[in-house]
PDB file of N, CA and C in Angstrom:
ATOM      1  N   MET A   1      33.489-204.286-141.311  1.00  0.00           N
ATOM      2  CA  MET A   1      34.081-204.855-140.084  1.00  0.00           C
ATOM      3  C   MET A   1      33.504-203.290-139.026  1.00  0.00           C
ATOM      4  N   ALA A   2      33.706-202.348-139.128  1.00  0.00           N
ATOM      5  CA  ALA A   2      32.892-201.100-138.337  1.00  0.00           C
ATOM      6  C   ALA A   2      31.066-201.734-137.953  1.00  0.00           C
ATOM      7  N   GLU A   3      30.651-202.235-138.718  1.00  0.00           N
ATOM      8  CA  GLU A   3      29.444-202.899-138.160  1.00  0.00           C
ATOM      9  C   GLU A   3      29.940-203.885-136.969  1.00  0.00           C
ATOM     10  N   LYS A   4      30.518-204.525-137.004  1.00  0.00           N
ATOM     11  CA  LYS A   4      30.865-206.037-136.376  1.00  0.00           C
ATOM     12  C   LYS A   4      31.234-205.192-134.821  1.00  0.00           C
ATOM     13  N   LYS A   5      31.964-204.334-135.107  1.00  0.00           N
ATOM     14  CA  LYS A   5      32.664-203.618-133.729  1.00  0.00           C
ATOM     15  C   LYS A   5      31.208-203.085-133.099  1.00  0.00           C
ATOM     16  N   ALA A   6      30.643-202.266-133.846  1.00  0.00           N
ATOM     17  CA  ALA A   6      29.373-201.407-133.324  1.00  0.00           C
ATOM     18  C   ALA A   6      28.568-202.423-132.782  1.00  0.00           C
ATOM     19  N   THR A   7      28.123-203.576-133.379  1.00  0.00           N
ATOM     20  CA  THR A   7      27.505-205.037-132.823  1.00  0.00           C
ATOM     21  C   THR A   7      27.725-205.748-131.493  1.00  0.00           C
ATOM     22  N   LYS A   8      29.063-205.496-131.250  1.00  0.00           N
ATOM     23  CA  LYS A   8      29.889-206.336-129.973  1.00  0.00           C
ATOM     24  C   LYS A   8      29.761-205.160-128.947  1.00  0.00           C
ATOM     25  N   ALA A   9      30.011-203.732-129.032  1.00  0.00           N
ATOM     26  CA  ALA A   9      29.939-202.625-128.168  1.00  0.00           C
ATOM     27  C   ALA A   9      28.602-202.756-128.131  1.00  0.00           C
ATOM     28  N   ALA A  10      27.665-202.896-128.720  1.00  0.00           N
ATOM     29  CA  ALA A  10      25.988-202.574-128.495  1.00  0.00           C
ATOM     30  C   ALA A  10      25.855-204.023-127.667  1.00  0.00           C
ATOM     31  N   ALA A  11      26.214-204.907-127.903  1.00  0.00           N
ATOM     32  CA  ALA A  11      25.764-206.444-126.900  1.00  0.00           C
ATOM     33  C   ALA A  11      26.737-205.854-125.665  1.00  0.00           C
ATOM     34  N   THR A  12      27.796-205.798-125.423  1.00  0.00           N
ATOM     35  CA  THR A  12      28.259-205.316-123.903  1.00  0.00           C
ATOM     36  C   THR A  12      27.407-204.367-123.262  1.00  0.00           C
ATOM     37  N   THR A  13      27.130-203.387-124.100  1.00  0.00           N
ATOM     38  CA  THR A  13      26.292-202.819-123.385  1.00  0.00           C
ATOM     39  C   THR A  13      24.831-202.876-122.584  1.00  0.00           C
ATOM     40  N   LYS A  14      24.450-203.686-123.626  1.00  0.00           N
ATOM     41  CA  LYS A  14      22.725-204.692-122.799  1.00  0.00           C
ATOM     42  C   LYS A  14      23.155-205.328-121.555  1.00  0.00           C
ATOM     43  N   LYS A  15      24.333-206.357-121.554  1.00  0.00           N
ATOM     44  CA  LYS A  15      24.678-207.117-120.200  1.00  0.00           C
ATOM     45  C   LYS A  15      25.133-206.019-119.307  1.00  0.00           C
ATOM     46  N   ALA A  16      25.720-205.022-119.330  1.00  0.00           N
ATOM     47  CA  ALA A  16      26.015-204.284-118.582  1.00  0.00           C
ATOM     48  C   ALA A  16      24.617-203.522-117.757  1.00  0.00           C
ATOM     49  N   ALA A  17      24.038-203.196-118.920  1.00  0.00           N
ATOM     50  CA  ALA A  17      22.871-202.540-118.179  1.00  0.00           C
ATOM     51  C   ALA A  17      21.478-203.518-117.719  1.00  0.00           C
ATOM     52  N   ALA A  18      21.996-204.884-117.617  1.00  0.00           N
ATOM     53  CA  ALA A  18      20.757-205.603-116.679  1.00  0.00           C
ATOM     54  C   ALA A  18      20.632-205.611-115.773  1.00  0.00           C
ATOM     55  N   PRO A  19      19.057-205.363-115.242  1.00  0.00           N
ATOM     56  CA  PRO A  19      18.679-204.689-113.701  1.00  0.00           C
ATOM     57  C   PRO A  19      19.403-205.733-113.004  1.00  0.00           C
ATOM     58  N   LYS A  20      19.594-205.092-111.372  1.00  0.00           N
ATOM     59  CA  LYS A  20      20.255-205.865-110.618  1.00  0.00           C
ATOM     60  C   LYS A  20      19.108-206.506-109.872  1.00  0.00           C
ATOM     61  N   LYS A  21      19.056-207.702-109.143  1.00  0.00           N
ATOM     62  CA  LYS A  21      17.968-207.837-108.542  1.00  0.00           C
ATOM     63  C   LYS A  21      18.362-207.459-107.193  1.00  0.00           C
ATOM     64  N   GLU A  22      17.089-207.287-106.541  1.00  0.00           N
ATOM     65  CA  GLU A  22      16.876-206.042-105.035  1.00  0.00           C
ATOM     66  C   GLU A  22      16.839-207.619-104.157  1.00  0.00           C
ATOM     67  N   THR A  23      17.157-207.375-103.225  1.00  0.00           N
ATOM     68  CA  THR A  23      17.123-208.555-102.144  1.00  0.00           C
ATOM     69  C   THR A  23      16.405-207.675-100.834  1.00  0.00           C
ATOM     70  N   VAL A  24      14.886-208.618-100.805  1.00  0.00           N
ATOM     71  CA  VAL A  24      13.816-208.362-100.057  1.00  0.00           C
ATOM     72  C   VAL A  24      14.634-208.574 -98.279  1.00  0.00           C
ATOM     73  N   LYS A  25      14.436-207.382 -97.427  1.00  0.00           N
ATOM     74  CA  LYS A  25      14.588-208.164 -96.010  1.00  0.00           C
ATOM     75  C   LYS A  25      13.580-208.381 -95.390  1.00  0.00           C
ATOM     76  N   LYS A  26      13.472-209.740 -94.503  1.00  0.00           N
ATOM     77  CA  LYS A  26      12.064-209.678 -93.805  1.00  0.00           C
ATOM     78  C   LYS A  26      12.227-209.174 -92.297  1.00  0.00           C
ATOM     79  N   THR A  27      11.240-208.848 -91.996  1.00  0.00           N
ATOM     80  CA  THR A  27      11.440-208.461 -90.518  1.00  0.00           C
ATOM     81  C   THR A  27      10.499-209.381 -89.596  1.00  0.00           C
ATOM     82  N   VAL A  28      10.844-209.704 -88.474  1.00  0.00           N
ATOM     83  CA  VAL A  28      10.093-210.734 -87.584  1.00  0.00           C
ATOM     84  C   VAL A  28       9.613-209.404 -86.514  1.00  0.00           C
ATOM     85  N   ALA A  29       8.245-209.344 -86.327  1.00  0.00           N
ATOM     86  CA  ALA A  29       8.037-208.417 -85.046  1.00  0.00           C
ATOM     87  C   ALA A  29       8.137-209.010 -83.774  1.00  0.00           C
ATOM     88  N   THR A  30       8.804-208.138 -82.887  1.00  0.00           N
ATOM     89  CA  THR A  30       9.105-209.020 -81.800  1.00  0.00           C
ATOM     90  C   THR A  30       7.648-209.140 -80.813  1.00  0.00           C
ATOM     91  N   LYS A  31       7.902-209.901 -79.752  1.00  0.00           N
ATOM     92  CA  LYS A  31       6.875-210.004 -78.637  1.00  0.00           C
ATOM     93  C   LYS A  31       6.114-208.628 -78.311  1.00  0.00           C
ATOM     94  N   ALA A  32       6.795-206.974 -77.951  1.00  0.00           N
ATOM     95  CA  ALA A  32       6.357-206.029 -77.601  1.00  0.00           C
ATOM     96  C   ALA A  32       5.782-205.545 -78.267  1.00  0.00           C
ATOM     97  N   ALA A  33       6.213-205.688 -79.518  1.00  0.00           N
ATOM     98  CA  ALA A  33       5.556-204.849 -80.514  1.00  0.00           C
ATOM     99  C   ALA A  33       4.185-205.701 -81.450  1.00  0.00           C
ATOM    100  N   LYS A  34       3.686-206.323 -80.877  1.00  0.00           N
ATOM    101  CA  LYS A  34       2.845-207.171 -81.483  1.00  0.00           C
ATOM    102  C   LYS A  34       1.638-206.681 -80.869  1.00  0.00           C
ATOM    103  N   ALA A  35       1.290-206.869 -79.369  1.00  0.00           N
ATOM    104  CA  ALA A  35       0.268-206.182 -78.468  1.00  0.00           C
ATOM    105  C   ALA A  35       0.955-205.490 -77.273  1.00  0.00           C
ATOM    106  N   ALA A  36       0.189-204.527 -77.117  1.00  0.00           N
ATOM    107  CA  ALA A  36       0.268-203.118 -75.890  1.00  0.00           C
ATOM    108  C   ALA A  36       0.223-204.132 -74.880  1.00  0.00           C
ATOM    109  N   LEU A  37      -0.030-203.680 -73.652  1.00  0.00           N
ATOM    110  CA  LEU A  37      -0.113-204.407 -72.192  1.00  0.00           C
ATOM    111  C   LEU A  37      -1.647-203.846 -72.138  1.00  0.00           C
ATOM    112  N   VAL A  38      -2.814-204.389 -72.285  1.00  0.00           N
ATOM    113  CA  VAL A  38      -4.146-204.443 -71.960  1.00  0.00           C
ATOM    114  C   VAL A  38      -4.106-204.179 -70.201  1.00  0.00           C
ATOM    115  N   ILE A  39      -4.788-203.152 -69.579  1.00  0.00           N
ATOM    116  CA  ILE A  39      -5.039-202.868 -67.861  1.00  0.00           C
ATOM    117  C   ILE A  39      -6.212-203.043 -67.848  1.00  0.00           C
ATOM    118  N   ASN A  40      -6.674-203.587 -67.284  1.00  0.00           N
ATOM    119  CA  ASN A  40      -7.970-203.923 -66.765  1.00  0.00           C
ATOM    120  C   ASN A  40      -7.893-205.255 -65.777  1.00  0.00           C
ATOM    121  N   ALA A  41      -9.009-205.103 -65.096  1.00  0.00           N
ATOM    122  CA  ALA A  41      -9.014-205.663 -64.311  1.00  0.00           C
ATOM    123  C   ALA A  41      -9.043-207.479 -64.669  1.00  0.00           C
ATOM    124  N   GLU A  42      -9.485-207.678 -65.618  1.00  0.00           N
ATOM    125  CA  GLU A  42      -9.265-209.462 -66.566  1.00  0.00           C
ATOM    126  C   GLU A  42      -8.089-209.792 -66.491  1.00  0.00           C
ATOM    127  N   ASN A  43      -7.054-208.520 -67.039  1.00  0.00           N
ATOM    128  CA  ASN A  43      -6.015-208.963 -67.365  1.00  0.00           C
ATOM    129  C   ASN A  43      -5.266-208.838 -66.016  1.00  0.00           C
ATOM    130  N   ALA A  44      -5.434-207.938 -65.065  1.00  0.00           N
ATOM    131  CA  ALA A  44      -4.392-208.292 -64.008  1.00  0.00           C
ATOM    132  C   ALA A  44      -4.761-209.447 -63.547  1.00  0.00           C
ATOM    133  N   GLY A  45      -6.082-209.722 -63.523  1.00  0.00           N
ATOM    134  CA  GLY A  45      -6.027-211.314 -62.797  1.00  0.00           C
ATOM    135  C   GLY A  45      -5.136-212.094 -62.843  1.00  0.00           C
ATOM    136  N   PHE A  46      -5.415-212.321 -64.842  1.00  0.00           N
ATOM    137  CA  PHE A  46      -4.657-213.477 -64.864  1.00  0.00           C
ATOM    138  C   PHE A  46      -3.338-213.403 -64.970  1.00  0.00           C
ATOM    139  N   LYS A  47      -2.731-212.281 -64.922  1.00  0.00           N
ATOM    140  CA  LYS A  47      -1.487-212.329 -64.717  1.00  0.00           C
ATOM    141  C   LYS A  47      -0.982-212.158 -63.264  1.00  0.00           C
ATOM    142  N   ALA A  48      -1.980-211.672 -62.156  1.00  0.00           N
ATOM    143  CA  ALA A  48      -1.835-212.431 -61.069  1.00  0.00           C
ATOM    144  C   ALA A  48      -1.389-213.809 -60.931  1.00  0.00           C
ATOM    145  N   GLY A  49      -2.204-214.382 -61.764  1.00  0.00           N
ATOM    146  CA  GLY A  49      -2.645-215.839 -61.374  1.00  0.00           C
ATOM    147  C   GLY A  49      -0.980-216.213 -62.076  1.00  0.00           C
ATOM    148  N   ASP A  50      -0.497-215.989 -63.098  1.00  0.00           N
ATOM    149  CA  ASP A  50       0.944-216.249 -63.706  1.00  0.00           C
ATOM    150  C   ASP A  50       2.125-215.695 -62.954  1.00  0.00           C
ATOM    151  N   VAL A  51       2.077-215.010 -61.803  1.00  0.00           N
ATOM    152  CA  VAL A  51       3.093-213.887 -61.060  1.00  0.00           C
ATOM    153  C   VAL A  51       2.751-215.377 -59.673  1.00  0.00           C
ATOM    154  N   TYR A  52       1.511-215.812 -59.481  1.00  0.00           N
ATOM    155  CA  TYR A  52       1.452-216.574 -58.472  1.00  0.00           C
ATOM    156  C   TYR A  52       1.916-218.010 -58.670  1.00  0.00           C
ATOM    157  N   ASN A  53       1.814-218.119 -59.453  1.00  0.00           N
ATOM    158  CA  ASN A  53       2.133-219.556 -59.965  1.00  0.00           C
ATOM    159  C   ASN A  53       3.531-219.806 -59.825  1.00  0.00           C
ATOM    160  N   ALA A  54       4.069-218.992 -60.911  1.00  0.00           N
ATOM    161  CA  ALA A  54       5.470-218.807 -60.973  1.00  0.00           C
ATOM    162  C   ALA A  54       6.744-218.746 -59.348  1.00  0.00           C
ATOM    163  N   LEU A  55       5.611-218.367 -58.355  1.00  0.00           N
ATOM    164  CA  LEU A  55       6.479-217.859 -57.533  1.00  0.00           C
ATOM    165  C   LEU A  55       5.964-219.124 -56.403  1.00  0.00           C
ATOM    166  N   ALA A  56       4.871-220.037 -56.488  1.00  0.00           N
ATOM    167  CA  ALA A  56       4.865-221.107 -55.755  1.00  0.00           C
ATOM    168  C   ALA A  56       5.615-222.041 -56.356  1.00  0.00           C
ATOM    169  N   ALA A  57       5.987-222.220 -57.640  1.00  0.00           N
ATOM    170  CA  ALA A  57       6.596-223.508 -58.393  1.00  0.00           C
ATOM    171  C   ALA A  57       8.047-223.097 -57.864  1.00  0.00           C
ATOM    172  N   ALA A  58       8.761-221.827 -57.759  1.00  0.00           N
ATOM    173  CA  ALA A  58      10.143-221.748 -57.485  1.00  0.00           C
ATOM    174  C   ALA A  58      10.063-222.187 -56.009  1.00  0.00           C
ATOM    175  N   GLY A  59       9.152-221.860 -55.317  1.00  0.00           N
ATOM    176  CA  GLY A  59       9.264-221.778 -53.632  1.00  0.00           C
ATOM    177  C   GLY A  59      10.343-221.240 -53.108  1.00  0.00           C
ATOM    178  N   LYS A  60      10.838-219.668 -53.818  1.00  0.00           N
ATOM    179  CA  LYS A  60      11.548-218.854 -53.133  1.00  0.00           C
ATOM    180  C   LYS A  60      11.366-217.384 -53.589  1.00  0.00           C
ATOM    181  N   ALA A  61      11.865-216.248 -53.144  1.00  0.00           N
ATOM    182  CA  ALA A  61      11.807-215.139 -53.716  1.00  0.00           C
ATOM    183  C   ALA A  61      12.459-214.973 -54.818  1.00  0.00           C
ATOM    184  N   LEU A  62      12.043-214.311 -56.043  1.00  0.00           N
ATOM    185  CA  LEU A  62      12.204-214.177 -57.397  1.00  0.00           C
ATOM    186  C   LEU A  62      12.073-212.779 -57.477  1.00  0.00           C
ATOM    187  N   SER A  63      13.106-212.003 -58.299  1.00  0.00           N
ATOM    188  CA  SER A  63      13.207-210.939 -58.876  1.00  0.00           C
ATOM    189  C   SER A  63      11.883-210.442 -60.053  1.00  0.00           C
ATOM    190  N   VAL A  64      11.795-209.488 -60.334  1.00  0.00           N
ATOM    191  CA  VAL A  64      10.708-209.792 -61.842  1.00  0.00           C
ATOM    192  C   VAL A  64      10.700-209.999 -62.747  1.00  0.00           C
ATOM    193  N   ALA A  65      12.278-210.095 -63.378  1.00  0.00           N
ATOM    194  CA  ALA A  65      12.811-210.768 -64.542  1.00  0.00           C
ATOM    195  C   ALA A  65      12.739-212.129 -64.658  1.00  0.00           C
ATOM    196  N   GLU A  66      13.437-212.937 -63.242  1.00  0.00           N
ATOM    197  CA  GLU A  66      12.682-214.237 -63.250  1.00  0.00           C
ATOM    198  C   GLU A  66      11.824-214.822 -63.189  1.00  0.00           C
ATOM    199  N   ILE A  67      10.815-213.470 -62.804  1.00  0.00           N
ATOM    200  CA  ILE A  67       9.021-214.423 -62.714  1.00  0.00           C
ATOM    201  C   ILE A  67       9.041-214.073 -63.813  1.00  0.00           C
ATOM    202  N   ALA A  68       9.579-212.917 -64.959  1.00  0.00           N
ATOM    203  CA  ALA A  68       8.930-212.932 -66.274  1.00  0.00           C
ATOM    204  C   ALA A  68       9.349-214.005 -66.855  1.00  0.00           C
ATOM    205  N   LYS A  69      10.827-214.533 -66.732  1.00  0.00           N
ATOM    206  CA  LYS A  69      11.245-215.476 -67.048  1.00  0.00           C
ATOM    207  C   LYS A  69      10.424-216.935 -67.565  1.00  0.00           C
ATOM    208  N   LYS A  70      10.087-217.381 -65.655  1.00  0.00           N
ATOM    209  CA  LYS A  70       9.436-218.489 -65.182  1.00  0.00           C
ATOM    210  C   LYS A  70       7.946-218.407 -66.357  1.00  0.00           C
ATOM    211  N   ALA A  71       7.114-217.058 -65.737  1.00  0.00           N
ATOM    212  CA  ALA A  71       6.060-217.510 -66.314  1.00  0.00           C
ATOM    213  C   ALA A  71       5.645-216.975 -67.654  1.00  0.00           C
ATOM    214  N   LYS A  72       7.242-216.804 -68.673  1.00  0.00           N
ATOM    215  CA  LYS A  72       6.523-216.303 -70.056  1.00  0.00           C
ATOM    216  C   LYS A  72       5.818-215.257 -70.241  1.00  0.00           C
ATOM    217  N   ILE A  73       6.094-213.957 -69.411  1.00  0.00           N
ATOM    218  CA  ILE A  73       5.356-212.585 -69.934  1.00  0.00           C
ATOM    219  C   ILE A  73       6.458-211.473 -69.418  1.00  0.00           C
ATOM    220  N   SER A  74       5.820-210.823 -69.850  1.00  0.00           N
ATOM    221  CA  SER A  74       6.822-209.614 -69.871  1.00  0.00           C
ATOM    222  C   SER A  74       6.826-208.834 -68.424  1.00  0.00           C
ATOM    223  N   ASN A  75       8.068-207.854 -68.283  1.00  0.00           N
ATOM    224  CA  ASN A  75       8.219-206.977 -66.867  1.00  0.00           C
ATOM    225  C   ASN A  75       6.765-206.458 -66.491  1.00  0.00           C
ATOM    226  N   GLU A  76       6.464-205.753 -67.496  1.00  0.00           N
ATOM    227  CA  GLU A  76       5.355-205.169 -67.313  1.00  0.00           C
ATOM    228  C   GLU A  76       4.263-206.142 -66.847  1.00  0.00           C
ATOM    229  N   GLU A  77       3.949-206.991 -67.427  1.00  0.00           N
ATOM    230  CA  GLU A  77       2.807-207.701 -66.729  1.00  0.00           C
ATOM    231  C   GLU A  77       3.319-208.491 -65.654  1.00  0.00           C
ATOM    232  N   VAL A  78       4.117-208.668 -65.287  1.00  0.00           N
ATOM    233  CA  VAL A  78       4.950-209.150 -63.748  1.00  0.00           C
ATOM    234  C   VAL A  78       4.215-208.282 -62.724  1.00  0.00           C
ATOM    235  N   ILE A  79       4.578-207.147 -63.248  1.00  0.00           N
ATOM    236  CA  ILE A  79       4.476-205.813 -62.357  1.00  0.00           C
ATOM    237  C   ILE A  79       3.012-205.570 -62.015  1.00  0.00           C
ATOM    238  N   LEU A  80       1.788-205.629 -63.254  1.00  0.00           N
ATOM    239  CA  LEU A  80       0.498-205.327 -63.181  1.00  0.00           C
ATOM    240  C   LEU A  80       0.216-206.418 -61.888  1.00  0.00           C
ATOM    241  N   GLY A  81       0.372-207.840 -62.452  1.00  0.00           N
ATOM    242  CA  GLY A  81      -0.017-208.727 -61.427  1.00  0.00           C
ATOM    243  C   GLY A  81       0.362-208.782 -59.995  1.00  0.00           C
ATOM    244  N   ALA A  82       1.705-208.652 -59.936  1.00  0.00           N
ATOM    245  CA  ALA A  82       2.132-208.278 -58.432  1.00  0.00           C
ATOM    246  C   ALA A  82       1.818-206.991 -58.001  1.00  0.00           C
ATOM    247  N   GLY A  83       1.016-206.189 -58.475  1.00  0.00           N
ATOM    248  CA  GLY A  83       0.364-205.459 -57.415  1.00  0.00           C
ATOM    249  C   GLY A  83      -0.906-205.475 -57.234  1.00  0.00           C
ATOM    250  N   TRP A  84      -1.527-206.666 -57.901  1.00  0.00           N
ATOM    251  CA  TRP A  84      -3.110-207.196 -57.501  1.00  0.00           C
ATOM    252  C   TRP A  84      -2.645-207.960 -56.378  1.00  0.00           C
ATOM    253  N   LEU A  85      -1.549-208.578 -56.455  1.00  0.00           N
ATOM    254  CA  LEU A  85      -1.013-209.994 -55.513  1.00  0.00           C
ATOM    255  C   LEU A  85      -0.714-208.844 -54.179  1.00  0.00           C
ATOM    256  N   LEU A  86      -0.135-207.958 -54.627  1.00  0.00           N
ATOM    257  CA  LEU A  86       0.228-206.988 -53.115  1.00  0.00           C
ATOM    258  C   LEU A  86      -1.194-206.603 -52.273  1.00  0.00           C
ATOM    259  N   LYS A  87      -1.810-205.932 -53.043  1.00  0.00           N
ATOM    260  CA  LYS A  87      -3.046-205.404 -52.757  1.00  0.00           C
ATOM    261  C   LYS A  87      -3.425-206.634 -51.903  1.00  0.00           C
ATOM    262  N   GLU A  88      -4.173-207.570 -52.101  1.00  0.00           N
ATOM    263  CA  GLU A  88      -4.417-208.788 -51.713  1.00  0.00           C
ATOM    264  C   GLU A  88      -3.638-209.354 -50.594  1.00  0.00           C
ATOM    265  N   GLY A  89      -2.520-209.451 -50.736  1.00  0.00           N
ATOM    266  CA  GLY A  89      -1.841-209.755 -49.120  1.00  0.00           C
ATOM    267  C   GLY A  89      -0.964-210.972 -49.616  1.00  0.00           C
ATOM    268  N   LYS A  90      -1.076-211.420 -50.697  1.00  0.00           N
ATOM    269  CA  LYS A  90      -0.593-212.691 -50.737  1.00  0.00           C
ATOM    270  C   LYS A  90       0.677-212.948 -51.285  1.00  0.00           C
ATOM    271  N   ILE A  91       1.507-211.896 -51.177  1.00  0.00           N
ATOM    272  CA  ILE A  91       2.959-211.262 -51.958  1.00  0.00           C
ATOM    273  C   ILE A  91       3.783-210.269 -51.012  1.00  0.00           C
ATOM    274  N   LYS A  92       5.098-210.691 -50.707  1.00  0.00           N
ATOM    275  CA  LYS A  92       5.539-209.233 -49.717  1.00  0.00           C
ATOM    276  C   LYS A  92       7.077-208.927 -50.589  1.00  0.00           C
ATOM    277  N   ASP A  93       7.523-207.836 -49.710  1.00  0.00           N
ATOM    278  CA  ASP A  93       9.310-207.593 -50.714  1.00  0.00           C
ATOM    279  C   ASP A  93       9.884-208.498 -49.909  1.00  0.00           C
ATOM    280  N   ALA A  94      11.031-209.154 -50.293  1.00  0.00           N
ATOM    281  CA  ALA A  94      12.232-209.917 -49.354  1.00  0.00           C
ATOM    282  C   ALA A  94      13.297-209.317 -49.934  1.00  0.00           C
ATOM    283  N   GLU A  95      13.704-208.387 -49.542  1.00  0.00           N
ATOM    284  CA  GLU A  95      15.064-207.708 -50.179  1.00  0.00           C
ATOM    285  C   GLU A  95      14.934-207.768 -51.238  1.00  0.00           C
ATOM    286  N   GLY A  96      14.168-206.813 -51.824  1.00  0.00           N
ATOM    287  CA  GLY A  96      14.336-206.502 -53.098  1.00  0.00           C
ATOM    288  C   GLY A  96      13.506-207.182 -54.549  1.00  0.00           C
ATOM    289  N   LYS A  97      13.484-208.567 -53.755  1.00  0.00           N
ATOM    290  CA  LYS A  97      12.891-209.563 -54.384  1.00  0.00           C
ATOM    291  C   LYS A  97      11.235-210.124 -54.237  1.00  0.00           C
ATOM    292  N   ILE A  98      10.361-210.589 -54.720  1.00  0.00           N
ATOM    293  CA  ILE A  98       9.022-210.960 -54.314  1.00  0.00           C
ATOM    294  C   ILE A  98       9.038-212.581 -53.809  1.00  0.00           C
ATOM    295  N   VAL A  99       8.263-212.706 -52.912  1.00  0.00           N
ATOM    296  CA  VAL A  99       7.795-213.749 -52.287  1.00  0.00           C
ATOM    297  C   VAL A  99       6.620-213.748 -51.745  1.00  0.00           C
ATOM    298  N   LEU A 100       5.902-215.368 -51.680  1.00  0.00           N
ATOM    299  CA  LEU A 100       4.574-215.295 -51.273  1.00  0.00           C
ATOM    300  C   LEU A 100       4.540-215.063 -50.074  1.00  0.00           C
ATOM    301  N   ALA A 101       3.602-214.345 -49.374  1.00  0.00           N
ATOM    302  CA  ALA A 101       3.315-214.332 -47.849  1.00  0.00           C
ATOM    303  C   ALA A 101       3.096-215.194 -47.335  1.00  0.00           C
TER     304      ALA A 101
END
């Protein structure tokens, strides 16, 4: 009878000592973390095209954030492209927003 009690106690201990399942968290890399802004003439030219097209489609003055949303690029890329367009005289400032010249 003492053996039965010892067996039950051992069985209970084995159940309690079962390893717990670990949960694995999956992370999704954000767009900003995927690629750094490349600053060269080719990239600046492409971003300038994106900015120009967004402004032309809107037909009105837009903020940097609005251009970024319409062109599906980052704020930094908008600034890079806007710098190119400002130098060429294609855009100008209108009350804190950017508009085609």
